N, C-alpha and C. Protein backbone atom coordinates (compact mmCIF):
# COMPACT_ATOMS: atom_id res chain seq x y z
N MET A 1 9.55 -16.13 12.76
CA MET A 1 10.60 -16.46 13.70
C MET A 1 11.94 -16.06 13.11
N ASP A 2 12.76 -15.34 13.87
CA ASP A 2 14.04 -14.84 13.39
C ASP A 2 15.22 -15.72 13.76
N THR A 3 15.02 -16.71 14.62
CA THR A 3 16.10 -17.57 15.05
C THR A 3 16.49 -18.54 13.95
N LYS A 4 17.79 -18.58 13.66
CA LYS A 4 18.28 -19.50 12.63
C LYS A 4 18.43 -20.89 13.27
N PRO A 5 17.91 -21.92 12.63
CA PRO A 5 18.01 -23.27 13.20
C PRO A 5 19.46 -23.75 13.28
N ILE A 6 19.74 -24.53 14.32
CA ILE A 6 21.04 -25.19 14.48
C ILE A 6 21.12 -26.36 13.50
N ALA A 7 20.00 -27.05 13.36
CA ALA A 7 19.90 -28.21 12.48
C ALA A 7 18.45 -28.38 12.04
N ILE A 8 18.27 -29.08 10.93
CA ILE A 8 16.92 -29.30 10.39
C ILE A 8 16.79 -30.76 9.97
N ASP A 9 15.68 -31.38 10.35
CA ASP A 9 15.32 -32.71 9.85
C ASP A 9 14.06 -32.52 9.02
N LYS A 10 14.18 -32.69 7.72
CA LYS A 10 13.05 -32.47 6.82
C LYS A 10 12.21 -33.71 6.62
N SER A 11 12.57 -34.80 7.28
CA SER A 11 11.81 -36.04 7.07
C SER A 11 11.64 -36.83 8.38
N TYR A 12 11.28 -36.11 9.45
CA TYR A 12 11.03 -36.78 10.73
C TYR A 12 9.65 -37.42 10.70
N LYS A 13 9.58 -38.71 11.03
CA LYS A 13 8.29 -39.41 11.03
C LYS A 13 7.80 -39.57 12.47
N ILE A 14 6.59 -39.07 12.72
CA ILE A 14 5.98 -39.16 14.04
C ILE A 14 5.55 -40.60 14.28
N ARG A 15 5.95 -41.19 15.44
CA ARG A 15 5.52 -42.57 15.68
C ARG A 15 4.63 -42.76 16.89
N ASP A 16 4.67 -41.90 17.88
CA ASP A 16 3.72 -42.04 19.00
C ASP A 16 3.63 -40.73 19.76
N ASN A 17 3.59 -40.75 21.09
CA ASN A 17 3.36 -39.53 21.87
C ASN A 17 4.63 -38.82 22.32
N GLN A 18 5.81 -39.21 21.81
CA GLN A 18 7.07 -38.60 22.20
C GLN A 18 7.90 -38.27 20.96
N PHE A 19 8.88 -37.39 21.15
CA PHE A 19 9.83 -37.08 20.10
C PHE A 19 11.04 -37.99 20.31
N TRP A 20 11.16 -39.00 19.48
CA TRP A 20 12.25 -39.99 19.59
C TRP A 20 13.47 -39.46 18.85
N TYR A 21 14.52 -39.11 19.61
CA TYR A 21 15.67 -38.52 18.93
C TYR A 21 16.53 -39.53 18.19
N ASN A 22 16.37 -40.81 18.47
CA ASN A 22 17.10 -41.80 17.67
C ASN A 22 16.52 -41.89 16.24
N ASP A 23 15.36 -41.29 16.00
CA ASP A 23 14.76 -41.21 14.67
C ASP A 23 15.12 -39.92 13.95
N CYS A 24 15.84 -39.05 14.61
CA CYS A 24 16.08 -37.70 14.12
C CYS A 24 17.47 -37.57 13.48
N SER A 25 17.56 -36.79 12.42
CA SER A 25 18.84 -36.63 11.72
C SER A 25 19.88 -35.87 12.54
N PHE A 26 19.45 -35.11 13.56
CA PHE A 26 20.42 -34.38 14.38
C PHE A 26 20.59 -35.00 15.77
N ILE A 27 20.49 -36.33 15.84
CA ILE A 27 20.63 -37.08 17.10
C ILE A 27 21.91 -36.75 17.85
N ASP A 28 23.03 -36.60 17.14
CA ASP A 28 24.30 -36.36 17.82
C ASP A 28 24.35 -35.03 18.56
N ILE A 29 23.55 -34.08 18.15
CA ILE A 29 23.51 -32.77 18.81
C ILE A 29 22.64 -32.82 20.06
N ILE A 30 21.58 -33.61 20.06
CA ILE A 30 20.59 -33.57 21.15
C ILE A 30 20.62 -34.78 22.07
N ARG A 31 21.48 -35.73 21.80
CA ARG A 31 21.55 -36.95 22.61
C ARG A 31 21.78 -36.60 24.09
N ASN A 32 20.87 -37.07 24.96
CA ASN A 32 20.99 -36.93 26.41
C ASN A 32 21.07 -35.50 26.92
N LYS A 33 20.46 -34.56 26.23
CA LYS A 33 20.40 -33.18 26.72
C LYS A 33 19.15 -33.01 27.57
N LYS A 34 19.20 -32.09 28.51
CA LYS A 34 18.10 -31.87 29.43
C LYS A 34 16.84 -31.39 28.72
N SER A 35 17.00 -30.45 27.79
CA SER A 35 15.85 -29.96 27.04
C SER A 35 16.32 -29.42 25.69
N ILE A 36 15.36 -29.33 24.78
CA ILE A 36 15.63 -28.77 23.46
C ILE A 36 14.46 -27.86 23.09
N VAL A 37 14.74 -26.88 22.25
CA VAL A 37 13.69 -26.04 21.69
C VAL A 37 13.67 -26.31 20.20
N VAL A 38 12.50 -26.69 19.71
CA VAL A 38 12.35 -27.04 18.30
C VAL A 38 11.17 -26.29 17.69
N ASN A 39 11.26 -26.06 16.40
CA ASN A 39 10.13 -25.54 15.64
C ASN A 39 9.59 -26.72 14.85
N ILE A 40 8.41 -27.17 15.21
CA ILE A 40 7.78 -28.31 14.57
C ILE A 40 6.75 -27.76 13.58
N HIS A 41 7.00 -27.97 12.29
CA HIS A 41 6.09 -27.43 11.29
C HIS A 41 4.70 -28.03 11.47
N GLY A 42 3.73 -27.16 11.62
CA GLY A 42 2.36 -27.57 11.88
C GLY A 42 1.97 -27.41 13.34
N LEU A 43 2.97 -27.32 14.23
CA LEU A 43 2.69 -27.18 15.66
C LEU A 43 3.29 -25.89 16.22
N GLY A 44 4.50 -25.55 15.78
CA GLY A 44 5.14 -24.32 16.25
C GLY A 44 6.36 -24.59 17.11
N VAL A 45 6.82 -23.54 17.76
CA VAL A 45 8.02 -23.63 18.61
C VAL A 45 7.63 -24.19 19.96
N ARG A 46 8.36 -25.24 20.36
CA ARG A 46 8.09 -25.89 21.64
C ARG A 46 9.40 -26.26 22.34
N GLU A 47 9.38 -26.18 23.68
CA GLU A 47 10.49 -26.71 24.46
C GLU A 47 10.11 -28.12 24.88
N LEU A 48 10.97 -29.08 24.60
CA LEU A 48 10.74 -30.47 24.97
C LEU A 48 11.75 -30.87 26.04
N LYS A 49 11.30 -31.62 27.03
CA LYS A 49 12.15 -32.08 28.12
C LYS A 49 12.53 -33.54 27.88
N HIS A 50 13.77 -33.87 28.24
CA HIS A 50 14.22 -35.26 28.10
C HIS A 50 13.33 -36.16 28.95
N ALA A 51 12.91 -37.27 28.38
CA ALA A 51 12.05 -38.21 29.10
C ALA A 51 12.81 -38.82 30.28
N LYS A 52 12.07 -39.19 31.30
CA LYS A 52 12.67 -39.83 32.48
C LYS A 52 13.20 -41.20 32.11
N LYS A 53 14.07 -41.74 32.96
CA LYS A 53 14.61 -43.08 32.73
C LYS A 53 13.49 -44.09 32.69
N GLY A 54 13.71 -45.14 31.94
CA GLY A 54 12.71 -46.19 31.82
C GLY A 54 12.57 -47.01 33.09
N THR A 55 11.64 -47.93 33.09
CA THR A 55 11.40 -48.76 34.28
C THR A 55 12.61 -49.62 34.62
N ASP A 56 13.48 -49.86 33.65
CA ASP A 56 14.70 -50.64 33.91
C ASP A 56 15.88 -49.72 34.25
N ASN A 57 15.59 -48.42 34.49
CA ASN A 57 16.56 -47.42 34.90
C ASN A 57 17.54 -47.02 33.78
N ARG A 58 17.25 -47.43 32.55
CA ARG A 58 18.10 -47.02 31.42
C ARG A 58 17.61 -45.68 30.90
N PRO A 59 18.54 -44.85 30.40
CA PRO A 59 18.11 -43.57 29.81
C PRO A 59 17.23 -43.82 28.59
N THR A 60 16.27 -42.96 28.41
CA THR A 60 15.40 -43.07 27.25
C THR A 60 16.00 -42.30 26.08
N LEU A 61 15.48 -42.52 24.91
CA LEU A 61 15.95 -41.86 23.70
C LEU A 61 14.88 -40.91 23.18
N SER A 62 14.20 -40.23 24.11
CA SER A 62 13.09 -39.38 23.68
C SER A 62 12.95 -38.13 24.53
N TYR A 63 12.19 -37.21 23.96
CA TYR A 63 11.79 -35.98 24.64
C TYR A 63 10.28 -35.97 24.70
N THR A 64 9.75 -35.36 25.75
CA THR A 64 8.29 -35.35 25.94
C THR A 64 7.72 -33.95 25.82
N PHE A 65 6.44 -33.91 25.50
CA PHE A 65 5.70 -32.66 25.43
C PHE A 65 5.10 -32.39 26.80
N SER A 66 5.20 -31.17 27.28
CA SER A 66 4.65 -30.84 28.59
C SER A 66 3.16 -30.50 28.51
N ASP A 67 2.71 -30.15 27.35
CA ASP A 67 1.32 -29.72 27.17
C ASP A 67 0.48 -30.86 26.58
N GLU A 68 -0.64 -31.12 27.18
CA GLU A 68 -1.52 -32.21 26.72
C GLU A 68 -2.03 -31.97 25.30
N GLU A 69 -2.33 -30.73 24.95
CA GLU A 69 -2.79 -30.42 23.59
C GLU A 69 -1.71 -30.73 22.56
N ASP A 70 -0.43 -30.47 22.93
CA ASP A 70 0.67 -30.79 22.03
C ASP A 70 0.78 -32.30 21.83
N ARG A 71 0.65 -33.06 22.92
CA ARG A 71 0.68 -34.53 22.82
C ARG A 71 -0.47 -35.04 21.96
N ASP A 72 -1.63 -34.45 22.14
CA ASP A 72 -2.79 -34.85 21.34
C ASP A 72 -2.54 -34.58 19.85
N TRP A 73 -1.97 -33.40 19.53
CA TRP A 73 -1.65 -33.07 18.13
C TRP A 73 -0.66 -34.08 17.58
N TRP A 74 0.37 -34.40 18.38
CA TRP A 74 1.43 -35.33 17.97
C TRP A 74 0.83 -36.70 17.68
N ILE A 75 -0.02 -37.19 18.59
CA ILE A 75 -0.65 -38.51 18.42
C ILE A 75 -1.58 -38.50 17.20
N LYS A 76 -2.35 -37.44 17.05
CA LYS A 76 -3.27 -37.32 15.91
C LYS A 76 -2.53 -37.39 14.57
N ASN A 77 -1.29 -36.91 14.54
CA ASN A 77 -0.51 -36.86 13.32
C ASN A 77 0.48 -38.03 13.19
N ARG A 78 0.28 -39.06 13.99
CA ARG A 78 1.13 -40.25 13.93
C ARG A 78 1.25 -40.75 12.49
N GLY A 79 2.49 -41.09 12.12
CA GLY A 79 2.74 -41.59 10.78
C GLY A 79 3.08 -40.51 9.76
N GLU A 80 2.79 -39.25 10.10
CA GLU A 80 3.10 -38.14 9.20
C GLU A 80 4.61 -37.87 9.18
N VAL A 81 5.09 -37.39 8.06
CA VAL A 81 6.48 -36.96 7.93
C VAL A 81 6.47 -35.43 7.98
N ILE A 82 7.24 -34.87 8.90
CA ILE A 82 7.24 -33.43 9.13
C ILE A 82 8.67 -32.88 9.14
N THR A 83 8.77 -31.56 9.11
CA THR A 83 10.06 -30.89 9.26
C THR A 83 10.18 -30.39 10.69
N VAL A 84 11.34 -30.67 11.29
CA VAL A 84 11.64 -30.22 12.65
C VAL A 84 12.94 -29.42 12.60
N GLU A 85 12.89 -28.20 13.13
CA GLU A 85 14.07 -27.35 13.19
C GLU A 85 14.54 -27.26 14.64
N LEU A 86 15.80 -27.57 14.88
CA LEU A 86 16.39 -27.45 16.22
C LEU A 86 16.85 -26.01 16.42
N LEU A 87 16.33 -25.36 17.48
CA LEU A 87 16.65 -23.95 17.73
C LEU A 87 17.64 -23.78 18.89
N SER A 88 17.56 -24.64 19.92
CA SER A 88 18.52 -24.55 21.03
C SER A 88 18.54 -25.85 21.80
N VAL A 89 19.63 -26.02 22.58
CA VAL A 89 19.87 -27.23 23.36
C VAL A 89 20.33 -26.80 24.74
N SER A 90 19.83 -27.46 25.80
CA SER A 90 20.19 -27.09 27.17
C SER A 90 20.65 -28.28 27.99
N GLY A 91 21.74 -28.12 28.71
CA GLY A 91 22.19 -29.04 29.75
C GLY A 91 22.36 -30.48 29.33
N ILE A 92 22.72 -31.28 30.31
CA ILE A 92 22.89 -32.71 30.13
C ILE A 92 21.88 -33.42 31.02
N SER A 93 21.17 -34.39 30.46
CA SER A 93 20.17 -35.13 31.20
C SER A 93 20.83 -36.03 32.24
N GLN A 94 20.21 -36.16 33.37
CA GLN A 94 20.75 -37.01 34.45
C GLN A 94 20.27 -38.43 34.33
């Protein structure tokens, strides 16, 4: 991959089936953005979409995987510490 990362988190800990940006070292860059493109070491380059508002209508602090296989990989690796490289950021989440 030739794209230079905007930011890197070398110690992101996977906790469940979503990418929680409040756990990420580059939270200020990706907070409430519509989507992000990240290179997740062990998984590859993925576009993640901002999660929908919660049942109480509050914005969430996470991005979701659109592919079921990616979610399965993420869940299987729960508790692992990985490196995540931020490659791009798009729009503002509604």
